[in-house]
């Protein structure tokens, strides 16, 4: 589904290159970066009257969001690189639209990138060369058509892709275990560890990267999918029907082992 999306293809190879280079600290997949870009684009589409105000601090907002996903000592450089990739990619999308509001947003983003001495020339060249390779006119048309559409939402599309990846990973891990027992999903594991350790997914004091590594080690899921799901759980909260369903699954299992803990979980959705 995403393989045919020119906006995604424009940034897929550059992000993959930097993901491969990030041997230590912080890394993000093209799908994760694209989800962030698409979420911002969708917010601009949906609330154009507030778009300029929203964009005025976008570099810091993206940086803080990425930083909160990792408290590793070696993460700083990686966080700045992926923040720059994301914000520069956003600027490249917005510059395709010939309208005063978009011109203002592009100028504002350029000022923020300059203020933070970002991005590096390597990032600029990597992104722009890839757009030239896939076709500047085609990319321009894809962005323009998308921003003018009223019933297309990229953030929903990429979320479905990430969910399908998680589903495939679940099947793969269960098959490797070979015991025929259905494994807890990533989201269910996140909720379980959040409650066990009494941590907040939205708190800057929570080491999200360490939590993702722990879940990876006990489950076999990929850290990139775990981090994406952590963001999903944090944004939805326990009032979401899908999260309530996950908690119900956990309660049905745990109440046979530790009823008092299961009761505390149940109270979160009642």
C-alpha atoms as a PDB file:
ATOM      1  CA  UNK A   1       0.000   0.000   0.000  1.00  0.00           C
ATOM      2  CA  UNK A   2       2.731   2.494   0.941  1.00  0.00           C
ATOM      3  CA  UNK A   3       5.019   1.287  -1.851  1.00  0.00           C
ATOM      4  CA  UNK A   4       2.800   3.140  -4.324  1.00  0.00           C
ATOM      5  CA  UNK A   5       2.692   6.342  -2.278  1.00  0.00           C
ATOM      6  CA  UNK A   6       5.063   8.882  -3.852  1.00  0.00           C
ATOM      7  CA  UNK A   7       5.254  10.984  -0.694  1.00  0.00           C
ATOM      8  CA  UNK A   8       6.429   7.979   1.304  1.00  0.00           C
ATOM      9  CA  UNK A   9       8.815   6.885  -1.477  1.00  0.00           C
ATOM     10  CA  UNK A  10      10.390  10.358  -1.513  1.00  0.00           C
ATOM     11  CA  UNK A  11      11.678   9.883   2.037  1.00  0.00           C
ATOM     12  CA  UNK A  12      11.909   6.098   2.351  1.00  0.00           C
ATOM     13  CA  UNK A  13      15.480   5.644   1.074  1.00  0.00           C
ATOM     14  CA  UNK A  14      17.022   8.661   2.884  1.00  0.00           C
ATOM     15  CA  UNK A  15      15.477   7.630   6.223  1.00  0.00           C
ATOM     16  CA  UNK A  16      16.492   4.002   5.679  1.00  0.00           C
ATOM     17  CA  UNK A  17      20.076   5.140   5.064  1.00  0.00           C
ATOM     18  CA  UNK A  18      20.185   7.055   8.351  1.00  0.00           C
ATOM     19  CA  UNK A  19      18.464   4.182  10.168  1.00  0.00           C
ATOM     20  CA  UNK A  20      21.224   1.861   8.938  1.00  0.00           C
ATOM     21  CA  UNK A  21      23.942   4.298  10.050  1.00  0.00           C
ATOM     22  CA  UNK A  22      22.476   4.664  13.555  1.00  0.00           C
ATOM     23  CA  UNK A  23      24.312   1.730  15.103  1.00  0.00           C
ATOM     24  CA  UNK A  24      24.053   3.227  18.594  1.00  0.00           C
ATOM     25  CA  UNK A  25      21.608   5.439  20.443  1.00  0.00           C
ATOM     26  CA  UNK A  26      18.494   6.357  18.520  1.00  0.00           C
ATOM     27  CA  UNK A  27      17.039   5.112  15.263  1.00  0.00           C
ATOM     28  CA  UNK A  28      13.689   5.298  13.465  1.00  0.00           C
ATOM     29  CA  UNK A  29      12.245   3.399  10.519  1.00  0.00           C
ATOM     30  CA  UNK A  30      10.898   5.144   7.380  1.00  0.00           C
ATOM     31  CA  UNK A  31       7.392   4.134   8.442  1.00  0.00           C
ATOM     32  CA  UNK A  32       7.791   5.816  11.851  1.00  0.00           C
ATOM     33  CA  UNK A  33       9.134   9.043  10.328  1.00  0.00           C
ATOM     34  CA  UNK A  34       6.414   9.015   7.672  1.00  0.00           C
ATOM     35  CA  UNK A  35       3.751   8.589  10.342  1.00  0.00           C
ATOM     36  CA  UNK A  36       5.049  11.713  12.067  1.00  0.00           C
ATOM     37  CA  UNK A  37       5.116  13.662   8.779  1.00  0.00           C
ATOM     38  CA  UNK A  38       1.647  12.475   7.790  1.00  0.00           C
ATOM     39  CA  UNK A  39       0.226  13.316  11.229  1.00  0.00           C
ATOM     40  CA  UNK A  40       1.518  16.895  10.890  1.00  0.00           C
ATOM     41  CA  UNK A  41       0.232  17.211   7.303  1.00  0.00           C
ATOM     42  CA  UNK A  42      -3.165  15.915   8.359  1.00  0.00           C
ATOM     43  CA  UNK A  43      -3.344  18.400  11.214  1.00  0.00           C
ATOM     44  CA  UNK A  44      -2.561  21.211   8.760  1.00  0.00           C
ATOM     45  CA  UNK A  45      -5.257  19.931   6.396  1.00  0.00           C
ATOM     46  CA  UNK A  46      -7.828  19.631   9.148  1.00  0.00           C
ATOM     47  CA  UNK A  47      -7.107  22.912  10.983  1.00  0.00           C
ATOM     48  CA  UNK A  48      -5.725  25.371   8.456  1.00  0.00           C
ATOM     49  CA  UNK A  49      -6.799  28.344  10.553  1.00  0.00           C
ATOM     50  CA  UNK A  50      -4.356  27.232  13.291  1.00  0.00           C
ATOM     51  CA  UNK A  51      -1.684  25.797  10.983  1.00  0.00           C
ATOM     52  CA  UNK A  52       0.777  28.689  11.116  1.00  0.00           C
ATOM     53  CA  UNK A  53       0.616  28.850  14.914  1.00  0.00           C
ATOM     54  CA  UNK A  54       1.108  25.077  15.075  1.00  0.00           C
ATOM     55  CA  UNK A  55       4.134  25.177  12.758  1.00  0.00           C
ATOM     56  CA  UNK A  56       5.928  27.986  14.613  1.00  0.00           C
ATOM     57  CA  UNK A  57       7.485  25.584  17.113  1.00  0.00           C
ATOM     58  CA  UNK A  58       7.437  22.390  15.083  1.00  0.00           C
ATOM     59  CA  UNK A  59      11.174  21.588  15.361  1.00  0.00           C
ATOM     60  CA  UNK A  60      11.077  21.690  19.158  1.00  0.00           C
ATOM     61  CA  UNK A  61       7.798  19.774  19.281  1.00  0.00           C
ATOM     62  CA  UNK A  62       9.110  16.938  17.109  1.00  0.00           C
ATOM     63  CA  UNK A  63      12.426  16.913  18.975  1.00  0.00           C
ATOM     64  CA  UNK A  64      10.711  16.639  22.367  1.00  0.00           C
ATOM     65  CA  UNK A  65       8.435  13.866  21.109  1.00  0.00           C
ATOM     66  CA  UNK A  66      11.401  11.883  19.787  1.00  0.00           C
ATOM     67  CA  UNK A  67      13.487  12.614  22.883  1.00  0.00           C
ATOM     68  CA  UNK A  68      10.717  11.313  25.145  1.00  0.00           C
ATOM     69  CA  UNK A  69      10.923   8.026  23.276  1.00  0.00           C
ATOM     70  CA  UNK A  70      14.521   7.544  24.458  1.00  0.00           C
ATOM     71  CA  UNK A  71      16.542   8.594  27.484  1.00  0.00           C
ATOM     72  CA  UNK A  72      19.730   6.857  26.347  1.00  0.00           C
ATOM     73  CA  UNK A  73      22.968   8.795  26.837  1.00  0.00           C
ATOM     74  CA  UNK A  74      23.966   8.066  23.232  1.00  0.00           C
ATOM     75  CA  UNK A  75      20.641   9.167  21.757  1.00  0.00           C
ATOM     76  CA  UNK A  76      21.110  12.951  21.415  1.00  0.00           C
ATOM     77  CA  UNK A  77      22.783  12.976  18.014  1.00  0.00           C
ATOM     78  CA  UNK A  78      20.318  10.476  16.584  1.00  0.00           C
ATOM     79  CA  UNK A  79      17.324  12.399  17.928  1.00  0.00           C
ATOM     80  CA  UNK A  80      18.549  15.615  16.281  1.00  0.00           C
ATOM     81  CA  UNK A  81      19.183  13.828  12.977  1.00  0.00           C
ATOM     82  CA  UNK A  82      15.753  12.219  12.817  1.00  0.00           C
ATOM     83  CA  UNK A  83      14.089  15.445  13.983  1.00  0.00           C
ATOM     84  CA  UNK A  84      15.853  17.257  11.156  1.00  0.00           C
ATOM     85  CA  UNK A  85      14.904  14.588   8.636  1.00  0.00           C
ATOM     86  CA  UNK A  86      11.279  14.832   9.691  1.00  0.00           C
ATOM     87  CA  UNK A  87      11.050  18.633   9.723  1.00  0.00           C
ATOM     88  CA  UNK A  88      13.016  19.064   6.485  1.00  0.00           C
ATOM     89  CA  UNK A  89      10.806  16.453   4.799  1.00  0.00           C
ATOM     90  CA  UNK A  90       7.771  18.393   6.021  1.00  0.00           C
ATOM     91  CA  UNK A  91       9.204  21.596   4.552  1.00  0.00           C
ATOM     92  CA  UNK A  92       9.797  19.850   1.220  1.00  0.00           C
ATOM     93  CA  UNK A  93       6.135  18.771   1.181  1.00  0.00           C
ATOM     94  CA  UNK A  94       4.775  22.205   2.061  1.00  0.00           C
ATOM     95  CA  UNK A  95       6.888  24.011  -0.534  1.00  0.00           C
ATOM     96  CA  UNK A  96       4.992  22.117  -3.245  1.00  0.00           C
ATOM     97  CA  UNK A  97       1.810  24.088  -2.479  1.00  0.00           C
ATOM     98  CA  UNK A  98       1.567  27.500  -4.158  1.00  0.00           C
ATOM     99  CA  UNK A  99      -0.463  29.360  -1.535  1.00  0.00           C
ATOM    100  CA  UNK A 100       0.356  32.212   0.845  1.00  0.00           C
ATOM    101  CA  UNK A 101      -0.264  30.181   4.006  1.00  0.00           C
ATOM    102  CA  UNK A 102       2.104  27.448   2.855  1.00  0.00           C
ATOM    103  CA  UNK A 103       4.758  29.992   1.849  1.00  0.00           C
ATOM    104  CA  UNK A 104       4.625  31.398   5.382  1.00  0.00           C
ATOM    105  CA  UNK A 105       4.952  27.936   6.924  1.00  0.00           C
ATOM    106  CA  UNK A 106       7.909  27.047   4.685  1.00  0.00           C
ATOM    107  CA  UNK A 107       9.693  30.285   5.626  1.00  0.00           C
ATOM    108  CA  UNK A 108       9.013  29.645   9.311  1.00  0.00           C
ATOM    109  CA  UNK A 109      10.346  26.094   9.148  1.00  0.00           C
ATOM    110  CA  UNK A 110      13.472  27.289   7.308  1.00  0.00           C
ATOM    111  CA  UNK A 111      14.118  29.756  10.140  1.00  0.00           C
ATOM    112  CA  UNK A 112      13.771  27.000  12.749  1.00  0.00           C
ATOM    113  CA  UNK A 113      16.110  24.673  10.878  1.00  0.00           C
ATOM    114  CA  UNK A 114      18.640  27.474  10.575  1.00  0.00           C
ATOM    115  CA  UNK A 115      18.288  28.297  14.277  1.00  0.00           C
ATOM    116  CA  UNK A 116      19.110  24.709  15.198  1.00  0.00           C
ATOM    117  CA  UNK A 117      21.863  24.496  12.565  1.00  0.00           C
ATOM    118  CA  UNK A 118      19.896  21.740  10.917  1.00  0.00           C
ATOM    119  CA  UNK A 119      19.692  19.877   8.657  1.00  0.00           C
ATOM    120  CA  UNK A 120      23.138  19.020   7.469  1.00  0.00           C
ATOM    121  CA  UNK A 121      23.924  19.314   3.766  1.00  0.00           C
ATOM    122  CA  UNK A 122      23.982  15.523   3.640  1.00  0.00           C
ATOM    123  CA  UNK A 123      20.354  15.313   4.742  1.00  0.00           C
ATOM    124  CA  UNK A 124      19.271  17.968   2.234  1.00  0.00           C
ATOM    125  CA  UNK A 125      21.115  16.293  -0.618  1.00  0.00           C
ATOM    126  CA  UNK A 126      19.834  12.843   0.277  1.00  0.00           C
ATOM    127  CA  UNK A 127      16.174  13.911   0.336  1.00  0.00           C
ATOM    128  CA  UNK A 128      16.273  16.195  -2.720  1.00  0.00           C
ATOM    129  CA  UNK A 129      18.256  13.724  -4.829  1.00  0.00           C
ATOM    130  CA  UNK A 130      15.747  11.001  -4.051  1.00  0.00           C
ATOM    131  CA  UNK A 131      12.847  13.268  -5.082  1.00  0.00           C
ATOM    132  CA  UNK A 132      14.653  14.025  -8.352  1.00  0.00           C
ATOM    133  CA  UNK A 133      15.055  10.291  -8.896  1.00  0.00           C
ATOM    134  CA  UNK A 134      11.358   9.506  -8.484  1.00  0.00           C
ATOM    135  CA  UNK A 135      10.274  12.652 -10.382  1.00  0.00           C
ATOM    136  CA  UNK A 136       9.878  16.231  -9.130  1.00  0.00           C
ATOM    137  CA  UNK A 137       6.664  16.862 -11.079  1.00  0.00           C
ATOM    138  CA  UNK A 138       5.105  13.602  -9.910  1.00  0.00           C
ATOM    139  CA  UNK A 139       6.028  14.379  -6.311  1.00  0.00           C
ATOM    140  CA  UNK A 140       4.610  17.914  -6.601  1.00  0.00           C
ATOM    141  CA  UNK A 141       1.351  16.552  -8.002  1.00  0.00           C
ATOM    142  CA  UNK A 142       1.099  13.859  -5.307  1.00  0.00           C
ATOM    143  CA  UNK A 143       1.510  16.376  -2.464  1.00  0.00           C
ATOM    144  CA  UNK A 144      -0.833  18.949  -4.056  1.00  0.00           C
ATOM    145  CA  UNK A 145      -3.550  16.384  -4.746  1.00  0.00           C
ATOM    146  CA  UNK A 146      -3.270  15.019  -1.222  1.00  0.00           C
ATOM    147  CA  UNK A 147      -3.468  18.379   0.538  1.00  0.00           C
ATOM    148  CA  UNK A 148      -6.500  19.325  -1.570  1.00  0.00           C
ATOM    149  CA  UNK A 149      -8.315  16.046  -0.910  1.00  0.00           C
ATOM    150  CA  UNK A 150     -11.061  15.964   1.700  1.00  0.00           C
ATOM    151  CA  UNK A 151     -11.412  12.244   2.308  1.00  0.00           C
ATOM    152  CA  UNK A 152      -7.806  11.002   2.311  1.00  0.00           C
ATOM    153  CA  UNK A 153      -5.807  10.862   5.540  1.00  0.00           C
ATOM    154  CA  UNK A 154      -2.238   9.570   5.389  1.00  0.00           C
ATOM    155  CA  UNK A 155      -1.898   9.169   9.152  1.00  0.00           C
ATOM    156  CA  UNK A 156      -4.761   6.644   9.126  1.00  0.00           C
ATOM    157  CA  UNK A 157      -3.204   4.805   6.191  1.00  0.00           C
ATOM    158  CA  UNK A 158       0.234   4.486   7.781  1.00  0.00           C
ATOM    159  CA  UNK A 159      -1.313   3.456  11.111  1.00  0.00           C
ATOM    160  CA  UNK A 160      -3.074   0.574   9.357  1.00  0.00           C
ATOM    161  CA  UNK A 161       0.219  -0.450   7.754  1.00  0.00           C
ATOM    162  CA  UNK A 162       2.005  -0.434  11.109  1.00  0.00           C
ATOM    163  CA  UNK A 163      -0.830  -2.429  12.686  1.00  0.00           C
ATOM    164  CA  UNK A 164      -0.588  -5.018   9.919  1.00  0.00           C
ATOM    165  CA  UNK A 165       3.180  -5.282  10.485  1.00  0.00           C
ATOM    166  CA  UNK A 166       2.540  -5.830  14.186  1.00  0.00           C
ATOM    167  CA  UNK A 167       0.009  -8.543  13.328  1.00  0.00           C
ATOM    168  CA  UNK A 168       2.512 -10.310  11.062  1.00  0.00           C
ATOM    169  CA  UNK A 169       5.174 -10.105  13.781  1.00  0.00           C
ATOM    170  CA  UNK A 170       2.736 -11.634  16.260  1.00  0.00           C
ATOM    171  CA  UNK A 171       2.065 -14.578  13.954  1.00  0.00           C
ATOM    172  CA  UNK A 172       5.789 -15.029  13.262  1.00  0.00           C
ATOM    173  CA  UNK A 173       6.788 -15.030  16.933  1.00  0.00           C
ATOM    174  CA  UNK A 174       4.021 -17.477  17.846  1.00  0.00           C
ATOM    175  CA  UNK A 175       5.025 -19.806  15.010  1.00  0.00           C
ATOM    176  CA  UNK A 176       8.645 -19.713  16.152  1.00  0.00           C
ATOM    177  CA  UNK A 177       7.610 -20.644  19.674  1.00  0.00           C
ATOM    178  CA  UNK A 178       5.731 -23.573  18.163  1.00  0.00           C
ATOM    179  CA  UNK A 179       3.473 -24.069  21.163  1.00  0.00           C
ATOM    180  CA  UNK A 180       0.224 -23.097  19.454  1.00  0.00           C
ATOM    181  CA  UNK A 181      -0.503 -20.498  22.111  1.00  0.00           C
ATOM    182  CA  UNK A 182      -1.540 -17.027  20.979  1.00  0.00           C
ATOM    183  CA  UNK A 183       0.977 -14.430  22.200  1.00  0.00           C
ATOM    184  CA  UNK A 184       0.082 -11.108  23.747  1.00  0.00           C
ATOM    185  CA  UNK A 185       0.175  -8.255  21.249  1.00  0.00           C
ATOM    186  CA  UNK A 186       2.730  -5.466  21.537  1.00  0.00           C
ATOM    187  CA  UNK A 187       0.093  -3.106  22.867  1.00  0.00           C
ATOM    188  CA  UNK A 188      -1.030  -5.568  25.530  1.00  0.00           C
ATOM    189  CA  UNK A 189       2.571  -6.029  26.665  1.00  0.00           C
ATOM    190  CA  UNK A 190       3.048  -2.270  26.868  1.00  0.00           C
ATOM    191  CA  UNK A 191      -0.052  -1.894  29.052  1.00  0.00           C
ATOM    192  CA  UNK A 192       1.060  -4.792  31.250  1.00  0.00           C
ATOM    193  CA  UNK A 193       4.556  -3.383  31.852  1.00  0.00           C
ATOM    194  CA  UNK A 194       3.182   0.132  32.300  1.00  0.00           C
ATOM    195  CA  UNK A 195       1.001  -1.140  35.140  1.00  0.00           C
ATOM    196  CA  UNK A 196       3.610  -3.466  36.616  1.00  0.00           C
ATOM    197  CA  UNK A 197       6.253  -0.745  36.842  1.00  0.00           C
ATOM    198  CA  UNK A 198       3.733   2.044  37.566  1.00  0.00           C
ATOM    199  CA  UNK A 199       5.240   4.302  34.910  1.00  0.00           C
ATOM    200  CA  UNK A 200       3.663   6.909  32.662  1.00  0.00           C
ATOM    201  CA  UNK A 201       4.222   6.673  28.911  1.00  0.00           C
ATOM    202  CA  UNK A 202       3.891  10.437  28.630  1.00  0.00           C
ATOM    203  CA  UNK A 203       6.361  11.287  31.404  1.00  0.00           C
ATOM    204  CA  UNK A 204       9.842  12.548  30.530  1.00  0.00           C
ATOM    205  CA  UNK A 205      11.118  10.505  33.501  1.00  0.00           C
ATOM    206  CA  UNK A 206      10.149   7.230  31.820  1.00  0.00           C
ATOM    207  CA  UNK A 207      12.933   5.602  29.815  1.00  0.00           C
ATOM    208  CA  UNK A 208      10.877   4.605  26.794  1.00  0.00           C
ATOM    209  CA  UNK A 209      13.869   3.167  24.970  1.00  0.00           C
ATOM    210  CA  UNK A 210      14.686   0.860  27.889  1.00  0.00           C
ATOM    211  CA  UNK A 211      11.046  -0.240  28.081  1.00  0.00           C
ATOM    212  CA  UNK A 212      11.065  -1.001  24.334  1.00  0.00           C
ATOM    213  CA  UNK A 213      14.273  -3.033  24.700  1.00  0.00           C
ATOM    214  CA  UNK A 214      12.807  -5.018  27.579  1.00  0.00           C
ATOM    215  CA  UNK A 215       9.637  -5.848  25.627  1.00  0.00           C
ATOM    216  CA  UNK A 216      11.789  -6.798  22.629  1.00  0.00           C
ATOM    217  CA  UNK A 217      13.804  -9.227  24.746  1.00  0.00           C
ATOM    218  CA  UNK A 218      10.790 -10.942  26.322  1.00  0.00           C
ATOM    219  CA  UNK A 219       8.643 -11.040  23.188  1.00  0.00           C
ATOM    220  CA  UNK A 220      10.798 -11.007  20.047  1.00  0.00           C
ATOM    221  CA  UNK A 221       8.981  -8.012  18.573  1.00  0.00           C
ATOM    222  CA  UNK A 222      11.064  -5.333  16.825  1.00  0.00           C
ATOM    223  CA  UNK A 223      11.907  -2.187  18.802  1.00  0.00           C
ATOM    224  CA  UNK A 224      10.667   0.085  15.991  1.00  0.00           C
ATOM    225  CA  UNK A 225       7.204  -1.504  16.153  1.00  0.00           C
ATOM    226  CA  UNK A 226       7.249  -1.356  19.956  1.00  0.00           C
ATOM    227  CA  UNK A 227       8.121   2.361  19.999  1.00  0.00           C
ATOM    228  CA  UNK A 228       5.346   3.067  17.494  1.00  0.00           C
ATOM    229  CA  UNK A 229       2.855   1.159  19.631  1.00  0.00           C
ATOM    230  CA  UNK A 230       4.001   2.992  22.779  1.00  0.00           C
ATOM    231  CA  UNK A 231       3.193   6.262  21.005  1.00  0.00           C
ATOM    232  CA  UNK A 232      -0.179   4.810  19.991  1.00  0.00           C
ATOM    233  CA  UNK A 233      -1.077   3.744  23.554  1.00  0.00           C
ATOM    234  CA  UNK A 234       0.100   7.067  25.010  1.00  0.00           C
ATOM    235  CA  UNK A 235      -1.985   9.103  22.549  1.00  0.00           C
ATOM    236  CA  UNK A 236      -5.167   7.029  22.852  1.00  0.00           C
ATOM    237  CA  UNK A 237      -5.319   6.526  26.603  1.00  0.00           C
ATOM    238  CA  UNK A 238      -7.432   4.011  28.492  1.00  0.00           C
ATOM    239  CA  UNK A 239     -10.712   5.485  27.240  1.00  0.00           C
ATOM    240  CA  UNK A 240     -10.074   4.154  23.750  1.00  0.00           C
ATOM    241  CA  UNK A 241     -12.274   1.121  22.866  1.00  0.00           C
ATOM    242  CA  UNK A 242      -9.265  -0.753  21.434  1.00  0.00           C
ATOM    243  CA  UNK A 243      -7.212  -0.168  24.595  1.00  0.00           C
ATOM    244  CA  UNK A 244     -10.155  -1.241  26.764  1.00  0.00           C
ATOM    245  CA  UNK A 245     -10.334  -4.453  24.763  1.00  0.00           C
ATOM    246  CA  UNK A 246      -6.614  -5.072  25.321  1.00  0.00           C
ATOM    247  CA  UNK A 247      -7.038  -4.538  29.056  1.00  0.00           C
ATOM    248  CA  UNK A 248      -9.969  -6.963  29.106  1.00  0.00           C
ATOM    249  CA  UNK A 249      -7.757  -9.631  27.508  1.00  0.00           C
ATOM    250  CA  UNK A 250      -5.076  -9.037  30.141  1.00  0.00           C
ATOM    251  CA  UNK A 251      -7.614  -9.168  32.965  1.00  0.00           C
ATOM    252  CA  UNK A 252      -9.005 -12.511  31.758  1.00  0.00           C
ATOM    253  CA  UNK A 253      -5.504 -14.005  31.957  1.00  0.00           C
ATOM    254  CA  UNK A 254      -4.158 -12.332  35.101  1.00  0.00           C
ATOM    255  CA  UNK A 255      -7.235 -12.796  37.303  1.00  0.00           C
ATOM    256  CA  UNK A 256      -6.415 -16.513  37.462  1.00  0.00           C
ATOM    257  CA  UNK A 257      -2.912 -15.722  38.722  1.00  0.00           C
ATOM    258  CA  UNK A 258      -3.166 -12.515  40.753  1.00  0.00           C
ATOM    259  CA  UNK A 259      -6.782 -11.402  41.226  1.00  0.00           C
ATOM    260  CA  UNK A 260      -5.976  -8.147  43.041  1.00  0.00           C
ATOM    261  CA  UNK A 261      -3.732  -6.958  40.204  1.00  0.00           C
ATOM    262  CA  UNK A 262      -6.384  -7.957  37.655  1.00  0.00           C
ATOM    263  CA  UNK A 263      -8.932  -5.935  39.610  1.00  0.00           C
ATOM    264  CA  UNK A 264      -6.699  -2.832  39.457  1.00  0.00           C
ATOM    265  CA  UNK A 265      -6.429  -3.276  35.684  1.00  0.00           C
ATOM    266  CA  UNK A 266     -10.183  -3.672  35.409  1.00  0.00           C
ATOM    267  CA  UNK A 267     -10.743  -0.448  37.348  1.00  0.00           C
ATOM    268  CA  UNK A 268      -8.914   1.455  34.610  1.00  0.00           C
ATOM    269  CA  UNK A 269     -11.708   0.765  32.131  1.00  0.00           C
ATOM    270  CA  UNK A 270     -14.745   1.011  34.384  1.00  0.00           C
END
